[in-house]
PDB file of N, CA and C in Angstrom:
ATOM      1  N   MET A   1      -2.119  20.465   1.982  1.00  0.00           N
ATOM      2  CA  MET A   1      -1.808  19.046   1.289  1.00  0.00           C
ATOM      3  C   MET A   1      -3.058  18.138   1.524  1.00  0.00           C
ATOM      4  N   PHE A   2      -3.578  18.070   2.606  1.00  0.00           N
ATOM      5  CA  PHE A   2      -4.787  17.076   3.169  1.00  0.00           C
ATOM      6  C   PHE A   2      -6.046  17.887   3.294  1.00  0.00           C
ATOM      7  N   ALA A   3      -7.149  17.471   2.724  1.00  0.00           N
ATOM      8  CA  ALA A   3      -8.348  18.307   3.088  1.00  0.00           C
ATOM      9  C   ALA A   3      -9.032  17.321   3.937  1.00  0.00           C
ATOM     10  N   SER A   4      -8.670  18.014   5.492  1.00  0.00           N
ATOM     11  CA  SER A   4      -9.332  17.119   6.429  1.00  0.00           C
ATOM     12  C   SER A   4      -9.326  18.189   7.633  1.00  0.00           C
ATOM     13  N   SER A   5     -10.137  17.762   8.449  1.00  0.00           N
ATOM     14  CA  SER A   5     -10.356  18.768   9.649  1.00  0.00           C
ATOM     15  C   SER A   5      -9.387  18.276  10.893  1.00  0.00           C
ATOM     16  N   VAL A   6      -8.651  17.034  10.592  1.00  0.00           N
ATOM     17  CA  VAL A   6      -7.861  16.505  11.601  1.00  0.00           C
ATOM     18  C   VAL A   6      -6.566  17.259  11.671  1.00  0.00           C
ATOM     19  N   PRO A   7      -5.961  17.627  12.758  1.00  0.00           N
ATOM     20  CA  PRO A   7      -4.804  18.319  12.456  1.00  0.00           C
ATOM     21  C   PRO A   7      -3.691  17.674  11.857  1.00  0.00           C
ATOM     22  N   PRO A   8      -2.567  18.384  10.986  1.00  0.00           N
ATOM     23  CA  PRO A   8      -1.757  17.648  10.328  1.00  0.00           C
ATOM     24  C   PRO A   8      -0.976  16.797  11.165  1.00  0.00           C
ATOM     25  N   SER A   9      -0.488  16.980  12.123  1.00  0.00           N
ATOM     26  CA  SER A   9       0.421  15.999  13.068  1.00  0.00           C
ATOM     27  C   SER A   9      -0.536  14.946  13.347  1.00  0.00           C
ATOM     28  N   SER A  10      -1.577  14.912  13.614  1.00  0.00           N
ATOM     29  CA  SER A  10      -2.538  13.822  14.009  1.00  0.00           C
ATOM     30  C   SER A  10      -2.501  12.765  12.731  1.00  0.00           C
ATOM     31  N   LEU A  11      -3.104  13.689  11.722  1.00  0.00           N
ATOM     32  CA  LEU A  11      -3.231  12.777  10.474  1.00  0.00           C
ATOM     33  C   LEU A  11      -1.961  12.127   9.939  1.00  0.00           C
ATOM     34  N   ARG A  12      -0.675  12.923  10.312  1.00  0.00           N
ATOM     35  CA  ARG A  12       0.467  12.076   9.777  1.00  0.00           C
ATOM     36  C   ARG A  12       0.737  10.863  10.611  1.00  0.00           C
ATOM     37  N   ALA A  13       0.203  10.956  11.843  1.00  0.00           N
ATOM     38  CA  ALA A  13       0.455   9.765  12.816  1.00  0.00           C
ATOM     39  C   ALA A  13      -0.374   8.583  12.272  1.00  0.00           C
ATOM     40  N   VAL A  14      -1.722   9.007  11.878  1.00  0.00           N
ATOM     41  CA  VAL A  14      -2.528   7.918  11.106  1.00  0.00           C
ATOM     42  C   VAL A  14      -1.919   7.360   9.976  1.00  0.00           C
ATOM     43  N   TYR A  15      -1.333   8.092   8.860  1.00  0.00           N
ATOM     44  CA  TYR A  15      -0.711   7.664   8.145  1.00  0.00           C
ATOM     45  C   TYR A  15       0.387   6.804   8.327  1.00  0.00           C
ATOM     46  N   ALA A  16       1.360   7.133   9.528  1.00  0.00           N
ATOM     47  CA  ALA A  16       2.433   6.391   9.748  1.00  0.00           C
ATOM     48  C   ALA A  16       1.936   4.861  10.143  1.00  0.00           C
ATOM     49  N   GLU A  17       0.772   5.194  10.939  1.00  0.00           N
ATOM     50  CA  GLU A  17       0.460   3.724  11.491  1.00  0.00           C
ATOM     51  C   GLU A  17      -0.134   3.060  10.519  1.00  0.00           C
ATOM     52  N   ARG A  18      -0.908   3.325   9.573  1.00  0.00           N
ATOM     53  CA  ARG A  18      -1.439   2.658   8.325  1.00  0.00           C
ATOM     54  C   ARG A  18      -0.315   2.190   7.595  1.00  0.00           C
ATOM     55  N   ASN A  19       0.713   3.009   7.277  1.00  0.00           N
ATOM     56  CA  ASN A  19       1.710   2.452   6.538  1.00  0.00           C
ATOM     57  C   ASN A  19       2.632   1.304   7.086  1.00  0.00           C
ATOM     58  N   LEU A  20       2.539   1.327   8.523  1.00  0.00           N
ATOM     59  CA  LEU A  20       3.300   0.213   9.211  1.00  0.00           C
ATOM     60  C   LEU A  20       2.325  -1.273   9.029  1.00  0.00           C
ATOM     61  N   CYS A  21       1.106  -1.108   9.003  1.00  0.00           N
ATOM     62  CA  CYS A  21       0.222  -2.067   8.475  1.00  0.00           C
ATOM     63  C   CYS A  21       0.439  -2.501   7.154  1.00  0.00           C
ATOM     64  N   VAL A  22       0.586  -1.526   6.295  1.00  0.00           N
ATOM     65  CA  VAL A  22       0.995  -1.846   4.744  1.00  0.00           C
ATOM     66  C   VAL A  22       2.235  -2.473   4.409  1.00  0.00           C
ATOM     67  N   SER A  23       3.424  -2.173   5.287  1.00  0.00           N
ATOM     68  CA  SER A  23       4.639  -2.815   5.341  1.00  0.00           C
ATOM     69  C   SER A  23       4.342  -4.233   5.606  1.00  0.00           C
ATOM     70  N   LEU A  24       3.738  -4.431   6.672  1.00  0.00           N
ATOM     71  CA  LEU A  24       3.340  -6.045   7.064  1.00  0.00           C
ATOM     72  C   LEU A  24       2.778  -6.717   5.983  1.00  0.00           C
ATOM     73  N   ALA A  25       1.672  -6.006   5.346  1.00  0.00           N
ATOM     74  CA  ALA A  25       0.773  -6.784   4.317  1.00  0.00           C
ATOM     75  C   ALA A  25       1.951  -7.249   3.094  1.00  0.00           C
ATOM     76  N   VAL A  26       2.548  -6.288   2.785  1.00  0.00           N
ATOM     77  CA  VAL A  26       3.540  -6.260   1.529  1.00  0.00           C
ATOM     78  C   VAL A  26       4.531  -7.559   1.876  1.00  0.00           C
ATOM     79  N   LYS A  27       4.980  -7.547   3.290  1.00  0.00           N
ATOM     80  CA  LYS A  27       6.087  -8.692   3.356  1.00  0.00           C
ATOM     81  C   LYS A  27       5.378  -9.984   3.699  1.00  0.00           C
ATOM     82  N   LEU A  28       3.960 -10.207   3.915  1.00  0.00           N
ATOM     83  CA  LEU A  28       3.331 -11.342   3.963  1.00  0.00           C
ATOM     84  C   LEU A  28       2.857 -11.515   2.888  1.00  0.00           C
ATOM     85  N   ALA A  29       2.797 -10.680   1.754  1.00  0.00           N
ATOM     86  CA  ALA A  29       2.211 -10.972   0.397  1.00  0.00           C
ATOM     87  C   ALA A  29       3.701 -11.783  -0.311  1.00  0.00           C
ATOM     88  N   LEU A  30       4.549 -11.030  -0.212  1.00  0.00           N
ATOM     89  CA  LEU A  30       5.930 -11.774  -0.663  1.00  0.00           C
ATOM     90  C   LEU A  30       6.326 -12.905  -0.018  1.00  0.00           C
ATOM     91  N   SER A  31       5.863 -13.418   1.261  1.00  0.00           N
ATOM     92  CA  SER A  31       6.285 -14.480   1.941  1.00  0.00           C
ATOM     93  C   SER A  31       5.272 -15.750   1.285  1.00  0.00           C
ATOM     94  N   LEU A  32       4.274 -15.272   0.683  1.00  0.00           N
ATOM     95  CA  LEU A  32       2.915 -16.245   0.347  1.00  0.00           C
ATOM     96  C   LEU A  32       3.405 -16.280  -1.183  1.00  0.00           C
ATOM     97  N   GLY A  33       4.520 -15.710  -2.167  1.00  0.00           N
ATOM     98  CA  GLY A  33       4.584 -15.827  -3.145  1.00  0.00           C
ATOM     99  C   GLY A  33       3.940 -14.837  -4.434  1.00  0.00           C
ATOM    100  N   LEU A  34       3.383 -13.915  -3.715  1.00  0.00           N
ATOM    101  CA  LEU A  34       2.690 -12.746  -4.476  1.00  0.00           C
ATOM    102  C   LEU A  34       3.509 -11.860  -5.030  1.00  0.00           C
ATOM    103  N   GLN A  35       3.517 -11.062  -5.944  1.00  0.00           N
ATOM    104  CA  GLN A  35       4.094  -9.908  -6.380  1.00  0.00           C
ATOM    105  C   GLN A  35       3.815  -8.759  -5.565  1.00  0.00           C
ATOM    106  N   ALA A  36       4.805  -8.206  -5.129  1.00  0.00           N
ATOM    107  CA  ALA A  36       4.628  -6.934  -4.262  1.00  0.00           C
ATOM    108  C   ALA A  36       5.981  -6.180  -4.243  1.00  0.00           C
ATOM    109  N   GLY A  37       5.940  -4.866  -3.795  1.00  0.00           N
ATOM    110  CA  GLY A  37       7.104  -4.225  -3.756  1.00  0.00           C
ATOM    111  C   GLY A  37       6.764  -2.978  -3.781  1.00  0.00           C
ATOM    112  N   ILE A  38       7.863  -2.050  -3.716  1.00  0.00           N
ATOM    113  CA  ILE A  38       7.813  -0.406  -3.716  1.00  0.00           C
ATOM    114  C   ILE A  38       8.077   0.025  -5.140  1.00  0.00           C
ATOM    115  N   GLY A  39       7.143   0.891  -5.787  1.00  0.00           N
ATOM    116  CA  GLY A  39       7.317   1.559  -6.905  1.00  0.00           C
ATOM    117  C   GLY A  39       7.278   3.077  -6.570  1.00  0.00           C
ATOM    118  N   LEU A  40       7.622   3.686  -7.725  1.00  0.00           N
ATOM    119  CA  LEU A  40       7.330   5.289  -7.679  1.00  0.00           C
ATOM    120  C   LEU A  40       6.212   5.746  -8.503  1.00  0.00           C
ATOM    121  N   ASP A  41       5.574   6.718  -7.932  1.00  0.00           N
ATOM    122  CA  ASP A  41       4.578   7.537  -8.717  1.00  0.00           C
ATOM    123  C   ASP A  41       4.995   8.733  -9.240  1.00  0.00           C
ATOM    124  N   PRO A  42       5.441   8.708 -10.693  1.00  0.00           N
ATOM    125  CA  PRO A  42       5.999   9.821 -11.264  1.00  0.00           C
ATOM    126  C   PRO A  42       5.087  11.204 -11.255  1.00  0.00           C
ATOM    127  N   SER A  43       3.610  10.996 -11.079  1.00  0.00           N
ATOM    128  CA  SER A  43       2.738  12.045 -11.228  1.00  0.00           C
ATOM    129  C   SER A  43       2.529  12.643  -9.674  1.00  0.00           C
ATOM    130  N   GLU A  44       3.084  12.104  -8.886  1.00  0.00           N
ATOM    131  CA  GLU A  44       2.741  12.773  -7.501  1.00  0.00           C
ATOM    132  C   GLU A  44       3.888  13.953  -7.171  1.00  0.00           C
ATOM    133  N   PRO A  45       3.324  15.098  -7.006  1.00  0.00           N
ATOM    134  CA  PRO A  45       3.791  16.291  -6.899  1.00  0.00           C
ATOM    135  C   PRO A  45       4.919  16.525  -5.804  1.00  0.00           C
ATOM    136  N   ASP A  46       4.418  15.907  -4.445  1.00  0.00           N
ATOM    137  CA  ASP A  46       5.254  15.818  -3.277  1.00  0.00           C
ATOM    138  C   ASP A  46       6.408  14.782  -3.475  1.00  0.00           C
ATOM    139  N   PRO A  47       7.561  15.263  -3.483  1.00  0.00           N
ATOM    140  CA  PRO A  47       8.397  14.125  -3.183  1.00  0.00           C
ATOM    141  C   PRO A  47       8.651  13.157  -2.087  1.00  0.00           C
ATOM    142  N   LEU A  48       8.014  13.816  -1.114  1.00  0.00           N
ATOM    143  CA  LEU A  48       8.019  12.952   0.194  1.00  0.00           C
ATOM    144  C   LEU A  48       6.830  11.744   0.077  1.00  0.00           C
ATOM    145  N   TRP A  49       5.904  11.844  -0.842  1.00  0.00           N
ATOM    146  CA  TRP A  49       4.976  10.699  -1.085  1.00  0.00           C
ATOM    147  C   TRP A  49       5.018  10.241  -2.192  1.00  0.00           C
ATOM    148  N   LYS A  50       6.097  10.057  -2.917  1.00  0.00           N
ATOM    149  CA  LYS A  50       6.147   9.811  -4.277  1.00  0.00           C
ATOM    150  C   LYS A  50       6.351   7.909  -4.466  1.00  0.00           C
ATOM    151  N   HIS A  51       6.715   7.359  -3.080  1.00  0.00           N
ATOM    152  CA  HIS A  51       6.718   5.841  -3.038  1.00  0.00           C
ATOM    153  C   HIS A  51       5.680   5.361  -2.708  1.00  0.00           C
ATOM    154  N   VAL A  52       5.324   4.084  -3.410  1.00  0.00           N
ATOM    155  CA  VAL A  52       4.097   3.342  -3.442  1.00  0.00           C
ATOM    156  C   VAL A  52       4.191   1.893  -3.317  1.00  0.00           C
ATOM    157  N   ALA A  53       3.490   1.534  -2.218  1.00  0.00           N
ATOM    158  CA  ALA A  53       3.826  -0.106  -1.924  1.00  0.00           C
ATOM    159  C   ALA A  53       2.756  -0.626  -2.849  1.00  0.00           C
ATOM    160  N   PHE A  54       3.130  -1.782  -3.477  1.00  0.00           N
ATOM    161  CA  PHE A  54       2.134  -2.532  -4.396  1.00  0.00           C
ATOM    162  C   PHE A  54       1.951  -4.003  -4.131  1.00  0.00           C
ATOM    163  N   ILE A  55       0.898  -4.272  -3.946  1.00  0.00           N
ATOM    164  CA  ILE A  55       0.526  -5.790  -3.893  1.00  0.00           C
ATOM    165  C   ILE A  55      -0.328  -6.508  -4.893  1.00  0.00           C
ATOM    166  N   ASP A  56       0.092  -7.512  -5.907  1.00  0.00           N
ATOM    167  CA  ASP A  56      -0.959  -8.096  -6.761  1.00  0.00           C
ATOM    168  C   ASP A  56      -1.630  -9.310  -6.184  1.00  0.00           C
ATOM    169  N   LEU A  57      -2.636  -8.932  -5.660  1.00  0.00           N
ATOM    170  CA  LEU A  57      -3.345 -10.059  -5.060  1.00  0.00           C
ATOM    171  C   LEU A  57      -4.035 -10.760  -6.163  1.00  0.00           C
ATOM    172  N   PRO A  58      -4.585 -12.008  -6.026  1.00  0.00           N
ATOM    173  CA  PRO A  58      -5.524 -12.587  -6.975  1.00  0.00           C
ATOM    174  C   PRO A  58      -6.815 -11.935  -7.586  1.00  0.00           C
ATOM    175  N   SER A  59      -7.249 -10.868  -6.673  1.00  0.00           N
ATOM    176  CA  SER A  59      -8.177 -10.134  -7.175  1.00  0.00           C
ATOM    177  C   SER A  59      -7.945  -8.987  -7.682  1.00  0.00           C
ATOM    178  N   GLY A  60      -6.665  -8.603  -7.854  1.00  0.00           N
ATOM    179  CA  GLY A  60      -6.035  -7.379  -8.764  1.00  0.00           C
ATOM    180  C   GLY A  60      -5.039  -6.725  -7.650  1.00  0.00           C
ATOM    181  N   GLN A  61      -4.511  -5.754  -8.423  1.00  0.00           N
ATOM    182  CA  GLN A  61      -3.375  -4.762  -7.815  1.00  0.00           C
ATOM    183  C   GLN A  61      -4.043  -4.014  -6.799  1.00  0.00           C
ATOM    184  N   VAL A  62      -3.460  -3.861  -5.693  1.00  0.00           N
ATOM    185  CA  VAL A  62      -3.635  -2.748  -4.632  1.00  0.00           C
ATOM    186  C   VAL A  62      -2.374  -1.838  -4.374  1.00  0.00           C
ATOM    187  N   SER A  63      -2.510  -0.544  -3.996  1.00  0.00           N
ATOM    188  CA  SER A  63      -1.493   0.045  -3.751  1.00  0.00           C
ATOM    189  C   SER A  63      -1.831   1.173  -2.825  1.00  0.00           C
ATOM    190  N   TRP A  64      -0.541   1.512  -2.051  1.00  0.00           N
ATOM    191  CA  TRP A  64      -0.718   2.785  -1.262  1.00  0.00           C
ATOM    192  C   TRP A  64       0.641   3.528  -1.292  1.00  0.00           C
ATOM    193  N   HIS A  65       0.445   4.890  -0.958  1.00  0.00           N
ATOM    194  CA  HIS A  65       1.254   5.761  -1.186  1.00  0.00           C
ATOM    195  C   HIS A  65       1.927   5.816   0.121  1.00  0.00           C
ATOM    196  N   ILE A  66       3.486   5.733   0.247  1.00  0.00           N
ATOM    197  CA  ILE A  66       4.070   5.758   1.600  1.00  0.00           C
ATOM    198  C   ILE A  66       4.972   6.975   1.746  1.00  0.00           C
ATOM    199  N   HIS A  67       4.937   7.586   2.730  1.00  0.00           N
ATOM    200  CA  HIS A  67       5.902   8.708   3.280  1.00  0.00           C
ATOM    201  C   HIS A  67       7.034   8.396   3.100  1.00  0.00           C
ATOM    202  N   ALA A  68       8.129   9.024   2.580  1.00  0.00           N
ATOM    203  CA  ALA A  68       9.581   8.771   2.735  1.00  0.00           C
ATOM    204  C   ALA A  68      10.139   8.217   3.995  1.00  0.00           C
ATOM    205  N   ASP A  69       9.818   9.112   5.047  1.00  0.00           N
ATOM    206  CA  ASP A  69      10.078   8.665   6.558  1.00  0.00           C
ATOM    207  C   ASP A  69       9.930   7.272   6.834  1.00  0.00           C
ATOM    208  N   GLU A  70       9.023   6.516   6.202  1.00  0.00           N
ATOM    209  CA  GLU A  70       8.572   5.275   6.644  1.00  0.00           C
ATOM    210  C   GLU A  70       9.221   4.221   5.728  1.00  0.00           C
ATOM    211  N   LEU A  71      10.078   4.560   4.567  1.00  0.00           N
ATOM    212  CA  LEU A  71      10.778   3.595   4.014  1.00  0.00           C
ATOM    213  C   LEU A  71      11.511   2.694   4.794  1.00  0.00           C
ATOM    214  N   PRO A  72      12.261   2.960   6.032  1.00  0.00           N
ATOM    215  CA  PRO A  72      12.851   2.118   6.608  1.00  0.00           C
ATOM    216  C   PRO A  72      12.004   0.576   7.070  1.00  0.00           C
ATOM    217  N   ASN A  73      10.679   0.909   6.989  1.00  0.00           N
ATOM    218  CA  ASN A  73       9.863  -0.146   7.423  1.00  0.00           C
ATOM    219  C   ASN A  73       9.647  -1.230   6.405  1.00  0.00           C
ATOM    220  N   PHE A  74      10.105  -0.804   5.089  1.00  0.00           N
ATOM    221  CA  PHE A  74      10.058  -1.601   3.763  1.00  0.00           C
ATOM    222  C   PHE A  74      11.571  -2.410   3.450  1.00  0.00           C
ATOM    223  N   LYS A  75      12.351  -2.109   4.555  1.00  0.00           N
ATOM    224  CA  LYS A  75      13.838  -2.767   4.184  1.00  0.00           C
ATOM    225  C   LYS A  75      13.610  -4.196   3.823  1.00  0.00           C
ATOM    226  N   GLY A  76      14.346  -4.349   2.644  1.00  0.00           N
ATOM    227  CA  GLY A  76      14.266  -5.790   2.240  1.00  0.00           C
ATOM    228  C   GLY A  76      13.235  -6.021   1.192  1.00  0.00           C
ATOM    229  N   VAL A  77      12.228  -5.061   0.901  1.00  0.00           N
ATOM    230  CA  VAL A  77      11.221  -5.107   0.100  1.00  0.00           C
ATOM    231  C   VAL A  77      11.682  -4.718  -1.402  1.00  0.00           C
ATOM    232  N   PRO A  78      11.475  -5.736  -2.237  1.00  0.00           N
ATOM    233  CA  PRO A  78      11.925  -5.406  -3.636  1.00  0.00           C
ATOM    234  C   PRO A  78      11.470  -4.209  -4.618  1.00  0.00           C
ATOM    235  N   LEU A  79      11.846  -3.912  -5.475  1.00  0.00           N
ATOM    236  CA  LEU A  79      11.303  -2.813  -6.345  1.00  0.00           C
ATOM    237  C   LEU A  79      10.301  -3.373  -6.978  1.00  0.00           C
ATOM    238  N   TYR A  80       9.067  -2.552  -7.276  1.00  0.00           N
ATOM    239  CA  TYR A  80       8.057  -3.060  -8.148  1.00  0.00           C
ATOM    240  C   TYR A  80       8.049  -2.498  -9.533  1.00  0.00           C
ATOM    241  N   SER A  81       8.221  -3.257 -10.374  1.00  0.00           N
ATOM    242  CA  SER A  81       8.364  -2.603 -11.876  1.00  0.00           C
ATOM    243  C   SER A  81       7.114  -2.592 -12.827  1.00  0.00           C
ATOM    244  N   ARG A  82       5.891  -3.208 -12.495  1.00  0.00           N
ATOM    245  CA  ARG A  82       4.677  -3.232 -12.987  1.00  0.00           C
ATOM    246  C   ARG A  82       4.014  -1.783 -13.113  1.00  0.00           C
ATOM    247  N   PRO A  83       3.266  -1.787 -13.963  1.00  0.00           N
ATOM    248  CA  PRO A  83       2.649  -0.164 -14.049  1.00  0.00           C
ATOM    249  C   PRO A  83       1.329  -0.264 -13.096  1.00  0.00           C
ATOM    250  N   PHE A  84       1.162   0.816 -12.757  1.00  0.00           N
ATOM    251  CA  PHE A  84      -0.122   1.069 -11.966  1.00  0.00           C
ATOM    252  C   PHE A  84      -1.444   0.820 -12.634  1.00  0.00           C
ATOM    253  N   ASP A  85      -2.186  -0.048 -12.485  1.00  0.00           N
ATOM    254  CA  ASP A  85      -3.323  -0.414 -13.355  1.00  0.00           C
ATOM    255  C   ASP A  85      -4.465   0.456 -13.249  1.00  0.00           C
ATOM    256  N   GLY A  86      -4.534   1.587 -12.562  1.00  0.00           N
ATOM    257  CA  GLY A  86      -5.404   2.719 -12.532  1.00  0.00           C
ATOM    258  C   GLY A  86      -6.417   2.703 -11.572  1.00  0.00           C
ATOM    259  N   HIS A  87      -6.509   1.562 -10.795  1.00  0.00           N
ATOM    260  CA  HIS A  87      -7.470   1.430  -9.780  1.00  0.00           C
ATOM    261  C   HIS A  87      -7.896   2.621  -8.770  1.00  0.00           C
ATOM    262  N   SER A  88      -9.066   2.717  -8.653  1.00  0.00           N
ATOM    263  CA  SER A  88      -9.663   3.614  -7.554  1.00  0.00           C
ATOM    264  C   SER A  88      -9.507   3.062  -6.035  1.00  0.00           C
ATOM    265  N   THR A  89      -9.590   4.090  -5.326  1.00  0.00           N
ATOM    266  CA  THR A  89      -9.482   3.657  -3.928  1.00  0.00           C
ATOM    267  C   THR A  89     -10.789   2.815  -3.566  1.00  0.00           C
ATOM    268  N   GLU A  90     -11.851   2.995  -4.222  1.00  0.00           N
ATOM    269  CA  GLU A  90     -13.196   2.142  -3.923  1.00  0.00           C
ATOM    270  C   GLU A  90     -12.769   0.760  -4.555  1.00  0.00           C
ATOM    271  N   GLU A  91     -12.110   0.637  -5.749  1.00  0.00           N
ATOM    272  CA  GLU A  91     -11.861  -0.632  -6.290  1.00  0.00           C
ATOM    273  C   GLU A  91     -10.872  -1.350  -5.617  1.00  0.00           C
ATOM    274  N   LYS A  92      -9.730  -0.681  -4.993  1.00  0.00           N
ATOM    275  CA  LYS A  92      -8.605  -1.136  -4.193  1.00  0.00           C
ATOM    276  C   LYS A  92      -9.254  -1.805  -2.868  1.00  0.00           C
ATOM    277  N   TYR A  93     -10.133  -1.466  -2.246  1.00  0.00           N
ATOM    278  CA  TYR A  93     -10.688  -1.921  -1.110  1.00  0.00           C
ATOM    279  C   TYR A  93     -11.671  -3.015  -1.380  1.00  0.00           C
ATOM    280  N   ARG A  94     -12.292  -2.886  -2.764  1.00  0.00           N
ATOM    281  CA  ARG A  94     -13.120  -4.122  -3.122  1.00  0.00           C
ATOM    282  C   ARG A  94     -12.158  -5.310  -3.309  1.00  0.00           C
ATOM    283  N   ARG A  95     -11.265  -5.065  -3.996  1.00  0.00           N
ATOM    284  CA  ARG A  95     -10.128  -6.391  -4.099  1.00  0.00           C
ATOM    285  C   ARG A  95      -9.621  -6.819  -2.899  1.00  0.00           C
ATOM    286  N   VAL A  96      -9.252  -5.823  -1.764  1.00  0.00           N
ATOM    287  CA  VAL A  96      -8.856  -6.393  -0.660  1.00  0.00           C
ATOM    288  C   VAL A  96      -9.832  -7.195   0.279  1.00  0.00           C
ATOM    289  N   ALA A  97     -11.213  -6.814  -0.120  1.00  0.00           N
ATOM    290  CA  ALA A  97     -12.318  -7.598   0.764  1.00  0.00           C
ATOM    291  C   ALA A  97     -12.817  -8.629   0.003  1.00  0.00           C
ATOM    292  N   ASP A  98     -12.234  -8.925  -1.101  1.00  0.00           N
ATOM    293  CA  ASP A  98     -12.876 -10.049  -2.075  1.00  0.00           C
ATOM    294  C   ASP A  98     -12.909 -11.398  -1.003  1.00  0.00           C
ATOM    295  N   PRO A  99     -14.147 -12.031  -1.047  1.00  0.00           N
ATOM    296  CA  PRO A  99     -14.379 -13.154  -0.075  1.00  0.00           C
ATOM    297  C   PRO A  99     -13.422 -14.295  -0.685  1.00  0.00           C
ATOM    298  N   LYS A 100     -13.293 -14.194  -1.756  1.00  0.00           N
ATOM    299  CA  LYS A 100     -12.589 -15.594  -2.496  1.00  0.00           C
ATOM    300  C   LYS A 100     -11.241 -15.338  -1.959  1.00  0.00           C
ATOM    301  N   LEU A 101     -10.466 -14.358  -1.326  1.00  0.00           N
ATOM    302  CA  LEU A 101      -9.294 -14.189  -0.563  1.00  0.00           C
ATOM    303  C   LEU A 101      -9.177 -14.891   0.886  1.00  0.00           C
ATOM    304  N   SER A 102     -10.299 -15.159   1.448  1.00  0.00           N
ATOM    305  CA  SER A 102     -10.532 -15.699   2.769  1.00  0.00           C
ATOM    306  C   SER A 102     -10.097 -17.293   2.733  1.00  0.00           C
ATOM    307  N   PRO A 103      -9.229 -17.623   3.507  1.00  0.00           N
ATOM    308  CA  PRO A 103      -8.857 -18.921   3.750  1.00  0.00           C
ATOM    309  C   PRO A 103     -10.229 -19.913   4.118  1.00  0.00           C
ATOM    310  N   GLU A 104     -10.292 -21.166   4.034  1.00  0.00           N
ATOM    311  CA  GLU A 104     -11.151 -21.860   4.362  1.00  0.00           C
ATOM    312  C   GLU A 104     -11.630 -21.861   5.732  1.00  0.00           C
ATOM    313  N   TRP A 105     -10.432 -21.704   6.439  1.00  0.00           N
ATOM    314  CA  TRP A 105     -10.760 -21.713   8.006  1.00  0.00           C
ATOM    315  C   TRP A 105     -11.191 -20.642   8.667  1.00  0.00           C
ATOM    316  N   THR A 106     -11.704 -19.458   7.816  1.00  0.00           N
ATOM    317  CA  THR A 106     -12.112 -18.172   8.737  1.00  0.00           C
ATOM    318  C   THR A 106     -13.462 -18.688   9.332  1.00  0.00           C
ATOM    319  N   LEU A 107     -13.670 -17.794  10.505  1.00  0.00           N
ATOM    320  CA  LEU A 107     -14.778 -18.055  11.327  1.00  0.00           C
ATOM    321  C   LEU A 107     -16.120 -17.535  10.488  1.00  0.00           C
TER     322      LEU A 107
END
C-alpha cells in the first residue's frame, strides 16, 4: 500500500502520531471558529483510509486521510460537507505555512 523503505508497522506508528496532531489541529481550528471536520473520500480504495480530516484555513482548505482506528481521537468533531478543492500535498503545506496565519506575537 505504501511505497516506503520503512517497515509497515513503523510507518503505521508514524501515521498514528501524525493523526493525533491532526486531531488537535482540527479541534483548535473549531475552537477558533474555522470550518473543520471529518469527511469521506469516495475515491479512496482502502476503506480503512477513506476518512479525511479537513480544515478551512484563511489561506485555503487543508486535509489529511485518517485511519479508521484513529477516529476515536476525533470524537465530537462534526462532519465536513464541503467538497475537496483538489489541493496537492505541496499546496496544502504552503497553506499551512502561510506567514499571514502567524499571530503578531510570534518570535
